[in-house]
Amino acid sequence: MGIQVRLETFANLPVLGVALGLTVAAIVGKQVCGLGVLERGLDRLSIGVGMIPRGEVGLIFASIGKSLKVMDDATFSAVVMMVMLTTLVTPPVLKLTLQRKQSALGSRQ
């Protein structure tokens, strides 16, 4: 997938804007999904954060879209950037949310 990305699109401000918008939409969307957890005692925030790096599905759809010529290089690059960002941001944020949950449980005891 990465070899299909045209590196010059990373310096294109509109492409970066689309990538940022896709990243925000991905993060917010997963948090909204985390709110759907109905079981008591589960940390909805951690569940939402844990779902953020689901980029492989985005890469598959982007690859299909590019091969069918319904997605241009700039949009494909934006999707790849979104996948990279969500994959890199999730581990440290998930660690923070899980530590927050552990701290809350420890203070109750």
C-alpha atoms as a PDB file:
ATOM      1  CA  MET A   1       0.000   0.000   0.000  1.00  0.00           C
ATOM      2  CA  GLY A   2       2.709   2.448   0.966  1.00  0.00           C
ATOM      3  CA  ILE A   3       4.469   2.107  -2.366  1.00  0.00           C
ATOM      4  CA  GLN A   4       1.297   3.297  -4.102  1.00  0.00           C
ATOM      5  CA  VAL A   5       1.432   6.607  -2.215  1.00  0.00           C
ATOM      6  CA  ARG A   6       2.848   9.527  -4.138  1.00  0.00           C
ATOM      7  CA  LEU A   7       5.146  11.169  -1.592  1.00  0.00           C
ATOM      8  CA  GLU A   8       4.734  14.648  -3.064  1.00  0.00           C
ATOM      9  CA  THR A   9       1.093  14.612  -1.926  1.00  0.00           C
ATOM     10  CA  PHE A  10       2.342  14.697   1.683  1.00  0.00           C
ATOM     11  CA  ALA A  11       3.461  18.288   1.073  1.00  0.00           C
ATOM     12  CA  ASN A  12       0.112  19.296  -0.434  1.00  0.00           C
ATOM     13  CA  LEU A  13      -1.855  21.385   2.092  1.00  0.00           C
ATOM     14  CA  PRO A  14      -5.331  20.335   0.851  1.00  0.00           C
ATOM     15  CA  VAL A  15      -4.322  16.664   1.090  1.00  0.00           C
ATOM     16  CA  LEU A  16      -3.082  17.215   4.640  1.00  0.00           C
ATOM     17  CA  GLY A  17      -6.386  18.913   5.464  1.00  0.00           C
ATOM     18  CA  VAL A  18      -8.383  15.970   4.125  1.00  0.00           C
ATOM     19  CA  ALA A  19      -6.138  13.558   6.036  1.00  0.00           C
ATOM     20  CA  LEU A  20      -6.667  15.527   9.241  1.00  0.00           C
ATOM     21  CA  GLY A  21     -10.422  15.597   8.659  1.00  0.00           C
ATOM     22  CA  LEU A  22     -10.496  11.843   8.051  1.00  0.00           C
ATOM     23  CA  THR A  23      -8.414  11.276  11.189  1.00  0.00           C
ATOM     24  CA  VAL A  24     -10.732  13.378  13.346  1.00  0.00           C
ATOM     25  CA  ALA A  25     -13.786  11.642  11.867  1.00  0.00           C
ATOM     26  CA  ALA A  26     -12.230   8.231  12.557  1.00  0.00           C
ATOM     27  CA  ILE A  27     -11.432   9.094  16.171  1.00  0.00           C
ATOM     28  CA  VAL A  28     -14.789  10.733  16.909  1.00  0.00           C
ATOM     29  CA  GLY A  29     -16.660   7.910  15.191  1.00  0.00           C
ATOM     30  CA  LYS A  30     -14.959   5.258  17.307  1.00  0.00           C
ATOM     31  CA  GLN A  31     -15.681   7.230  20.484  1.00  0.00           C
ATOM     32  CA  VAL A  32     -19.360   7.422  19.551  1.00  0.00           C
ATOM     33  CA  CYS A  33     -19.323   3.650  19.018  1.00  0.00           C
ATOM     34  CA  GLY A  34     -17.736   3.214  22.454  1.00  0.00           C
ATOM     35  CA  LEU A  35     -20.768   4.970  23.962  1.00  0.00           C
ATOM     36  CA  GLY A  36     -22.876   2.074  22.708  1.00  0.00           C
ATOM     37  CA  VAL A  37     -21.366  -0.284  25.290  1.00  0.00           C
ATOM     38  CA  LEU A  38     -24.217  -1.023  27.649  1.00  0.00           C
ATOM     39  CA  GLU A  39     -22.526  -3.284  30.189  1.00  0.00           C
ATOM     40  CA  ARG A  40     -21.888  -1.529  33.481  1.00  0.00           C
ATOM     41  CA  GLY A  41     -18.355  -1.241  34.768  1.00  0.00           C
ATOM     42  CA  LEU A  42     -16.688  -1.192  31.363  1.00  0.00           C
ATOM     43  CA  ASP A  43     -14.617   1.813  30.359  1.00  0.00           C
ATOM     44  CA  ARG A  44     -16.325   3.208  27.264  1.00  0.00           C
ATOM     45  CA  LEU A  45     -13.477   5.634  26.592  1.00  0.00           C
ATOM     46  CA  SER A  46     -10.883   2.845  26.513  1.00  0.00           C
ATOM     47  CA  ILE A  47     -13.116   0.747  24.281  1.00  0.00           C
ATOM     48  CA  GLY A  48     -13.527   3.652  21.857  1.00  0.00           C
ATOM     49  CA  VAL A  49      -9.803   4.372  21.836  1.00  0.00           C
ATOM     50  CA  GLY A  50      -9.043   0.681  21.315  1.00  0.00           C
ATOM     51  CA  MET A  51     -11.189   0.685  18.176  1.00  0.00           C
ATOM     52  CA  ILE A  52      -9.414   3.665  16.569  1.00  0.00           C
ATOM     53  CA  PRO A  53      -6.705   1.837  14.580  1.00  0.00           C
ATOM     54  CA  ARG A  54      -9.065  -0.019  12.258  1.00  0.00           C
ATOM     55  CA  GLY A  55      -7.253   1.356   9.233  1.00  0.00           C
ATOM     56  CA  GLU A  56      -6.694  -1.878   7.379  1.00  0.00           C
ATOM     57  CA  VAL A  57     -10.313  -1.752   6.240  1.00  0.00           C
ATOM     58  CA  GLY A  58      -9.783   1.819   5.031  1.00  0.00           C
ATOM     59  CA  LEU A  59      -6.679   0.721   3.146  1.00  0.00           C
ATOM     60  CA  ILE A  60      -8.545  -2.098   1.441  1.00  0.00           C
ATOM     61  CA  PHE A  61     -11.365   0.206   0.327  1.00  0.00           C
ATOM     62  CA  ALA A  62      -8.866   2.868  -0.766  1.00  0.00           C
ATOM     63  CA  SER A  63      -6.914   0.320  -2.775  1.00  0.00           C
ATOM     64  CA  ILE A  64     -10.069  -0.904  -4.482  1.00  0.00           C
ATOM     65  CA  GLY A  65     -11.147   2.674  -5.150  1.00  0.00           C
ATOM     66  CA  LYS A  66      -7.775   3.515  -6.645  1.00  0.00           C
ATOM     67  CA  SER A  67      -7.730   0.410  -8.829  1.00  0.00           C
ATOM     68  CA  LEU A  68     -11.237   1.234 -10.115  1.00  0.00           C
ATOM     69  CA  LYS A  69     -10.078   4.810 -10.798  1.00  0.00           C
ATOM     70  CA  VAL A  70     -12.760   6.323  -8.532  1.00  0.00           C
ATOM     71  CA  MET A  71     -10.113   7.628  -6.116  1.00  0.00           C
ATOM     72  CA  ASP A  72      -7.271   9.895  -7.122  1.00  0.00           C
ATOM     73  CA  ASP A  73      -3.721   9.877  -5.748  1.00  0.00           C
ATOM     74  CA  ALA A  74      -4.411  12.744  -3.354  1.00  0.00           C
ATOM     75  CA  THR A  75      -7.393  11.053  -1.716  1.00  0.00           C
ATOM     76  CA  PHE A  76      -5.544   7.747  -1.523  1.00  0.00           C
ATOM     77  CA  SER A  77      -2.621   9.498   0.171  1.00  0.00           C
ATOM     78  CA  ALA A  78      -4.995  11.166   2.636  1.00  0.00           C
ATOM     79  CA  VAL A  79      -6.449   7.775   3.583  1.00  0.00           C
ATOM     80  CA  VAL A  80      -2.965   6.312   4.044  1.00  0.00           C
ATOM     81  CA  MET A  81      -2.002   9.283   6.246  1.00  0.00           C
ATOM     82  CA  MET A  82      -5.160   8.777   8.334  1.00  0.00           C
ATOM     83  CA  VAL A  83      -4.287   5.114   8.824  1.00  0.00           C
ATOM     84  CA  MET A  84      -0.739   5.994   9.858  1.00  0.00           C
ATOM     85  CA  LEU A  85      -1.888   8.691  12.286  1.00  0.00           C
ATOM     86  CA  THR A  86      -4.561   6.568  13.947  1.00  0.00           C
ATOM     87  CA  THR A  87      -2.182   3.615  14.215  1.00  0.00           C
ATOM     88  CA  LEU A  88       0.537   5.719  15.846  1.00  0.00           C
ATOM     89  CA  VAL A  89      -1.673   7.732  18.208  1.00  0.00           C
ATOM     90  CA  THR A  90      -3.649   4.819  19.642  1.00  0.00           C
ATOM     91  CA  PRO A  91      -1.064   2.990  21.820  1.00  0.00           C
ATOM     92  CA  PRO A  92      -0.056   5.978  23.987  1.00  0.00           C
ATOM     93  CA  VAL A  93      -3.634   7.242  24.288  1.00  0.00           C
ATOM     94  CA  LEU A  94      -4.905   3.761  25.137  1.00  0.00           C
ATOM     95  CA  LYS A  95      -2.212   3.446  27.795  1.00  0.00           C
ATOM     96  CA  LEU A  96      -3.380   6.730  29.345  1.00  0.00           C
ATOM     97  CA  THR A  97      -7.038   5.712  29.364  1.00  0.00           C
ATOM     98  CA  LEU A  98      -6.257   2.336  30.902  1.00  0.00           C
ATOM     99  CA  GLN A  99      -4.040   3.954  33.565  1.00  0.00           C
ATOM    100  CA  ARG A 100      -6.878   6.386  34.312  1.00  0.00           C
ATOM    101  CA  LYS A 101      -9.245   3.474  34.806  1.00  0.00           C
ATOM    102  CA  GLN A 102      -6.722   1.658  37.027  1.00  0.00           C
ATOM    103  CA  SER A 103      -6.227   4.809  39.123  1.00  0.00           C
ATOM    104  CA  ALA A 104      -9.969   5.178  39.568  1.00  0.00           C
ATOM    105  CA  LEU A 105     -10.270   1.543  40.667  1.00  0.00           C
ATOM    106  CA  GLY A 106      -7.302   1.862  43.035  1.00  0.00           C
ATOM    107  CA  SER A 107      -8.722   4.954  44.746  1.00  0.00           C
ATOM    108  CA  ARG A 108     -12.000   3.153  45.475  1.00  0.00           C
ATOM    109  CA  GLN A 109     -10.298   0.377  47.417  1.00  0.00           C
END
